[in-house]
Structure formats: structure tokens, C-alpha cells
Amino acid sequence: NEALQQQFNNFVLKNEQEEYEQEGINWSFISFPENQDALDLIWKKGYGILNILDDQCRAPGTTDKTFANDLYQKLTNKPRFEANFRQVGARQFGVFHYAGLVEY
């Protein structure tokens, strides 16, 4: 969904606004947040959530606890990642997606 949102933003909103500008159409600029950092948090090689999950699946003896601990260790400083005291205690985490916070 995050990648689809980025595609929509770039294709529809950004391109249309550029076209309006080129054609001299009077309109009000619509700002929309950039979500590349959310995509990186999920997909990026080296530290993305799915990359970490893939590494955990390949390693012997890993569990949901080792996966969660790996996430907390590697992603705590990422602005779109959340792991508060309650979430850590429940082995959960949150991701601030385009539409808001989602807990996993």
C-alpha cells in the first residue's frame, strides 16, 4: 500500500500540478507528504523490516523474540519506527505509514 501511495502521489498529484503550472492554470498547490522513508523502513536492503525478517528466517534458532530484538536494535533511530515500552514488552512495533501509525 505504501508503494502504491507513492506511485499515486507521483503520478497523479505531482504530475498534474506540474502540468497545471506549465499550462498556466490557476489552482491552489496541494502539498502531500513524501513517504520514501517509510518505504525504506520496510524494504531497504541492510536495515528494512523485510530484510531483517529474511535474515532471521535464514538463521538457525531464531524466534519472534530474536526478530523483535533485532528490529529494536537496528530501527529505533528511524523516524517512522516506533517501539515504546508497552510495545517492546508485547514484542510489537509500530510503523508510521502514509495514513498513520500501524502496530504489528
N, C-alpha and C. Protein backbone atom coordinates (compact mmCIF):
# COMPACT_ATOMS: atom_id res chain seq x y z
N ASN A 1 0.81 -1.19 0.00
CA ASN A 1 0.00 0.00 0.00
C ASN A 1 0.86 1.27 0.00
N GLU A 2 1.95 1.20 0.73
CA GLU A 2 2.83 2.38 0.81
C GLU A 2 3.42 2.71 -0.56
N ALA A 3 3.84 1.67 -1.29
CA ALA A 3 4.39 1.88 -2.63
C ALA A 3 3.33 2.39 -3.59
N LEU A 4 2.11 1.87 -3.46
CA LEU A 4 1.02 2.35 -4.31
C LEU A 4 0.70 3.82 -4.02
N GLN A 5 0.76 4.19 -2.74
CA GLN A 5 0.51 5.58 -2.38
C GLN A 5 1.56 6.50 -3.00
N GLN A 6 2.82 6.05 -2.97
CA GLN A 6 3.88 6.85 -3.57
C GLN A 6 3.66 6.98 -5.08
N GLN A 7 3.29 5.88 -5.73
CA GLN A 7 3.01 5.93 -7.16
C GLN A 7 1.89 6.91 -7.47
N PHE A 8 0.83 6.83 -6.67
CA PHE A 8 -0.31 7.74 -6.86
C PHE A 8 0.13 9.19 -6.68
N ASN A 9 0.86 9.45 -5.60
CA ASN A 9 1.32 10.82 -5.34
C ASN A 9 2.16 11.36 -6.49
N ASN A 10 3.10 10.54 -6.94
CA ASN A 10 3.99 10.99 -8.01
C ASN A 10 3.27 11.11 -9.34
N PHE A 11 2.46 10.15 -9.66
CA PHE A 11 1.83 10.15 -10.97
C PHE A 11 0.68 11.15 -11.05
N VAL A 12 -0.20 11.09 -10.10
CA VAL A 12 -1.39 11.92 -10.18
C VAL A 12 -1.14 13.33 -9.64
N LEU A 13 -0.77 13.42 -8.38
CA LEU A 13 -0.66 14.74 -7.76
C LEU A 13 0.49 15.56 -8.32
N LYS A 14 1.67 14.99 -8.30
CA LYS A 14 2.85 15.75 -8.73
C LYS A 14 2.79 16.08 -10.22
N ASN A 15 2.49 15.09 -11.04
CA ASN A 15 2.45 15.32 -12.49
C ASN A 15 1.33 16.29 -12.89
N GLU A 16 0.17 16.15 -12.27
CA GLU A 16 -0.93 17.05 -12.59
C GLU A 16 -0.60 18.48 -12.22
N GLN A 17 0.00 18.65 -11.04
CA GLN A 17 0.36 20.01 -10.61
C GLN A 17 1.40 20.63 -11.54
N GLU A 18 2.35 19.81 -12.00
CA GLU A 18 3.35 20.31 -12.95
C GLU A 18 2.68 20.70 -14.27
N GLU A 19 1.73 19.88 -14.70
CA GLU A 19 1.02 20.17 -15.95
C GLU A 19 0.19 21.46 -15.82
N TYR A 20 -0.48 21.63 -14.69
CA TYR A 20 -1.25 22.86 -14.46
C TYR A 20 -0.33 24.07 -14.53
N GLU A 21 0.84 23.94 -13.92
CA GLU A 21 1.80 25.04 -13.91
C GLU A 21 2.24 25.38 -15.34
N GLN A 22 2.57 24.35 -16.12
CA GLN A 22 3.02 24.55 -17.49
C GLN A 22 1.94 25.20 -18.36
N GLU A 23 0.68 24.84 -18.10
CA GLU A 23 -0.43 25.36 -18.90
C GLU A 23 -0.96 26.68 -18.37
N GLY A 24 -0.40 27.15 -17.25
CA GLY A 24 -0.83 28.42 -16.69
C GLY A 24 -2.21 28.40 -16.06
N ILE A 25 -2.65 27.23 -15.62
CA ILE A 25 -3.97 27.10 -15.00
C ILE A 25 -3.89 27.63 -13.57
N ASN A 26 -4.86 28.43 -13.19
CA ASN A 26 -4.92 28.97 -11.84
C ASN A 26 -5.44 27.88 -10.90
N TRP A 27 -4.65 27.54 -9.90
CA TRP A 27 -5.01 26.46 -8.97
C TRP A 27 -4.27 26.67 -7.66
N SER A 28 -4.69 25.96 -6.65
CA SER A 28 -4.02 26.01 -5.34
C SER A 28 -3.15 24.78 -5.19
N PHE A 29 -1.90 25.01 -4.84
CA PHE A 29 -0.95 23.91 -4.66
C PHE A 29 -1.43 22.96 -3.57
N ILE A 30 -1.37 21.67 -3.83
CA ILE A 30 -1.72 20.64 -2.85
C ILE A 30 -0.43 20.01 -2.37
N SER A 31 -0.15 20.17 -1.09
CA SER A 31 1.06 19.54 -0.57
C SER A 31 0.71 18.13 -0.08
N PHE A 32 1.63 17.24 -0.26
CA PHE A 32 1.44 15.87 0.19
C PHE A 32 2.77 15.37 0.73
N PRO A 33 2.72 14.56 1.78
CA PRO A 33 3.98 14.11 2.39
C PRO A 33 4.72 13.11 1.51
N GLU A 34 6.00 13.18 1.56
CA GLU A 34 6.87 12.22 0.89
C GLU A 34 6.95 10.97 1.78
N ASN A 35 6.84 9.81 1.20
CA ASN A 35 6.86 8.59 2.00
C ASN A 35 8.01 7.65 1.68
N GLN A 36 9.06 8.15 1.04
CA GLN A 36 10.20 7.30 0.71
C GLN A 36 10.84 6.71 1.96
N ASP A 37 10.87 7.47 3.05
CA ASP A 37 11.47 6.94 4.27
C ASP A 37 10.66 5.78 4.83
N ALA A 38 9.36 5.77 4.65
CA ALA A 38 8.54 4.63 5.08
C ALA A 38 8.83 3.41 4.20
N LEU A 39 8.97 3.64 2.91
CA LEU A 39 9.33 2.54 2.01
C LEU A 39 10.70 1.97 2.36
N ASP A 40 11.65 2.85 2.65
CA ASP A 40 12.98 2.39 3.05
C ASP A 40 12.92 1.57 4.34
N LEU A 41 12.12 2.03 5.29
CA LEU A 41 11.98 1.30 6.55
C LEU A 41 11.47 -0.11 6.31
N ILE A 42 10.60 -0.27 5.36
CA ILE A 42 10.02 -1.59 5.08
C ILE A 42 10.92 -2.42 4.16
N TRP A 43 11.44 -1.84 3.09
CA TRP A 43 12.09 -2.61 2.02
C TRP A 43 13.60 -2.52 1.92
N LYS A 44 14.22 -1.48 2.43
CA LYS A 44 15.63 -1.21 2.12
C LYS A 44 16.55 -2.36 2.53
N LYS A 45 17.44 -2.69 1.61
CA LYS A 45 18.44 -3.73 1.92
C LYS A 45 19.35 -3.24 3.01
N GLY A 46 19.65 -4.12 3.94
CA GLY A 46 20.55 -3.78 5.04
C GLY A 46 19.84 -3.48 6.33
N TYR A 47 18.71 -2.74 6.25
CA TYR A 47 18.03 -2.44 7.51
C TYR A 47 16.51 -2.46 7.41
N GLY A 48 15.93 -2.72 6.28
CA GLY A 48 14.47 -2.74 6.17
C GLY A 48 13.86 -3.89 6.96
N ILE A 49 12.64 -3.70 7.40
CA ILE A 49 11.95 -4.72 8.20
C ILE A 49 11.92 -6.05 7.47
N LEU A 50 11.58 -6.04 6.20
CA LEU A 50 11.52 -7.31 5.46
C LEU A 50 12.89 -7.92 5.25
N ASN A 51 13.92 -7.09 5.12
CA ASN A 51 15.29 -7.60 5.03
C ASN A 51 15.70 -8.26 6.34
N ILE A 52 15.36 -7.64 7.45
CA ILE A 52 15.67 -8.21 8.76
C ILE A 52 14.91 -9.52 8.95
N LEU A 53 13.65 -9.55 8.55
CA LEU A 53 12.87 -10.78 8.65
C LEU A 53 13.48 -11.88 7.80
N ASP A 54 13.90 -11.55 6.60
CA ASP A 54 14.54 -12.53 5.72
C ASP A 54 15.80 -13.10 6.37
N ASP A 55 16.62 -12.23 6.95
CA ASP A 55 17.83 -12.69 7.64
C ASP A 55 17.48 -13.60 8.81
N GLN A 56 16.46 -13.25 9.55
CA GLN A 56 16.04 -14.06 10.70
C GLN A 56 15.54 -15.43 10.24
N CYS A 57 14.84 -15.48 9.12
CA CYS A 57 14.32 -16.75 8.61
C CYS A 57 15.44 -17.69 8.16
N ARG A 58 16.55 -17.14 7.76
CA ARG A 58 17.68 -17.96 7.29
C ARG A 58 18.57 -18.45 8.43
N ALA A 59 18.52 -17.78 9.56
CA ALA A 59 19.41 -18.13 10.68
C ALA A 59 18.77 -19.23 11.54
N PRO A 60 19.58 -20.17 11.97
CA PRO A 60 19.03 -21.24 12.81
C PRO A 60 18.70 -20.73 14.22
N GLY A 61 17.64 -21.24 14.79
CA GLY A 61 17.30 -20.96 16.17
C GLY A 61 16.69 -19.60 16.43
N THR A 62 16.25 -18.91 15.40
CA THR A 62 15.64 -17.60 15.63
C THR A 62 14.17 -17.76 16.01
N THR A 63 13.67 -16.77 16.70
CA THR A 63 12.28 -16.79 17.16
C THR A 63 11.67 -15.41 16.94
N ASP A 64 10.41 -15.28 17.30
CA ASP A 64 9.79 -13.97 17.21
C ASP A 64 10.49 -12.98 18.13
N LYS A 65 11.02 -13.47 19.23
CA LYS A 65 11.73 -12.60 20.17
C LYS A 65 13.04 -12.10 19.56
N THR A 66 13.80 -12.97 18.89
CA THR A 66 15.05 -12.52 18.27
C THR A 66 14.77 -11.56 17.12
N PHE A 67 13.68 -11.81 16.40
CA PHE A 67 13.28 -10.89 15.32
C PHE A 67 12.95 -9.52 15.89
N ALA A 68 12.11 -9.49 16.92
CA ALA A 68 11.71 -8.22 17.52
C ALA A 68 12.93 -7.49 18.09
N ASN A 69 13.80 -8.19 18.77
CA ASN A 69 15.00 -7.56 19.34
C ASN A 69 15.90 -6.99 18.26
N ASP A 70 16.01 -7.70 17.14
CA ASP A 70 16.80 -7.22 16.01
C ASP A 70 16.20 -5.92 15.45
N LEU A 71 14.87 -5.89 15.34
CA LEU A 71 14.20 -4.67 14.88
C LEU A 71 14.48 -3.51 15.83
N TYR A 72 14.30 -3.76 17.14
CA TYR A 72 14.51 -2.68 18.11
C TYR A 72 15.94 -2.15 18.06
N GLN A 73 16.89 -3.07 17.90
CA GLN A 73 18.30 -2.67 17.88
C GLN A 73 18.63 -1.86 16.63
N LYS A 74 18.10 -2.26 15.48
CA LYS A 74 18.50 -1.64 14.22
C LYS A 74 17.63 -0.46 13.79
N LEU A 75 16.40 -0.38 14.29
CA LEU A 75 15.47 0.60 13.74
C LEU A 75 15.00 1.67 14.71
N THR A 76 15.40 1.60 15.95
CA THR A 76 14.91 2.54 16.96
C THR A 76 15.15 4.00 16.57
N ASN A 77 16.22 4.28 15.85
CA ASN A 77 16.53 5.67 15.47
C ASN A 77 15.82 6.13 14.19
N LYS A 78 15.03 5.27 13.58
CA LYS A 78 14.32 5.65 12.35
C LYS A 78 13.03 6.38 12.71
N PRO A 79 12.77 7.53 12.10
CA PRO A 79 11.61 8.34 12.49
C PRO A 79 10.26 7.67 12.24
N ARG A 80 10.16 6.78 11.29
CA ARG A 80 8.88 6.13 11.00
C ARG A 80 8.67 4.86 11.82
N PHE A 81 9.63 4.51 12.68
CA PHE A 81 9.55 3.30 13.50
C PHE A 81 9.24 3.68 14.93
N GLU A 82 8.36 2.92 15.57
CA GLU A 82 8.03 3.17 16.96
C GLU A 82 8.11 1.86 17.74
N ALA A 83 8.76 1.92 18.88
CA ALA A 83 8.81 0.77 19.79
C ALA A 83 8.87 1.33 21.22
N ASN A 84 7.70 1.66 21.76
CA ASN A 84 7.66 2.20 23.11
C ASN A 84 7.71 1.05 24.13
N PHE A 85 7.70 1.40 25.39
CA PHE A 85 7.84 0.42 26.46
C PHE A 85 6.77 -0.67 26.38
N ARG A 86 5.53 -0.28 26.15
CA ARG A 86 4.44 -1.25 26.05
C ARG A 86 4.62 -2.18 24.85
N GLN A 87 5.00 -1.59 23.73
CA GLN A 87 5.19 -2.40 22.52
C GLN A 87 6.33 -3.39 22.69
N VAL A 88 7.44 -2.94 23.24
CA VAL A 88 8.58 -3.84 23.44
C VAL A 88 8.19 -4.98 24.37
N GLY A 89 7.46 -4.69 25.43
CA GLY A 89 7.01 -5.73 26.35
C GLY A 89 6.13 -6.77 25.69
N ALA A 90 5.39 -6.35 24.68
CA ALA A 90 4.49 -7.26 23.95
C ALA A 90 5.10 -7.76 22.64
N ARG A 91 6.38 -7.44 22.42
CA ARG A 91 7.08 -7.78 21.16
C ARG A 91 6.34 -7.23 19.94
N GLN A 92 5.95 -6.00 20.06
CA GLN A 92 5.27 -5.32 18.96
C GLN A 92 6.10 -4.11 18.55
N PHE A 93 5.70 -3.51 17.45
CA PHE A 93 6.33 -2.27 16.99
C PHE A 93 5.32 -1.54 16.13
N GLY A 94 5.57 -0.29 15.88
CA GLY A 94 4.70 0.49 15.03
C GLY A 94 5.44 1.09 13.86
N VAL A 95 4.73 1.27 12.77
CA VAL A 95 5.26 1.95 11.59
C VAL A 95 4.30 3.08 11.25
N PHE A 96 4.87 4.28 11.10
CA PHE A 96 4.07 5.43 10.69
C PHE A 96 3.97 5.42 9.17
N HIS A 97 2.88 4.87 8.68
CA HIS A 97 2.62 4.81 7.24
C HIS A 97 2.06 6.14 6.78
N TYR A 98 1.81 6.25 5.50
CA TYR A 98 1.23 7.45 4.90
C TYR A 98 -0.06 7.84 5.63
N ALA A 99 -0.88 6.83 5.95
CA ALA A 99 -2.18 7.10 6.57
C ALA A 99 -2.14 7.18 8.10
N GLY A 100 -1.00 6.88 8.70
CA GLY A 100 -0.90 6.95 10.15
C GLY A 100 -0.17 5.75 10.73
N LEU A 101 -0.17 5.67 12.05
CA LEU A 101 0.54 4.61 12.78
C LEU A 101 -0.21 3.28 12.67
N VAL A 102 0.54 2.23 12.36
CA VAL A 102 0.00 0.87 12.37
C VAL A 102 0.91 0.03 13.24
N GLU A 103 0.32 -0.71 14.18
CA GLU A 103 1.10 -1.59 15.05
C GLU A 103 1.13 -3.00 14.49
N TYR A 104 2.28 -3.62 14.65
CA TYR A 104 2.47 -5.01 14.23
C TYR A 104 2.95 -5.82 15.40
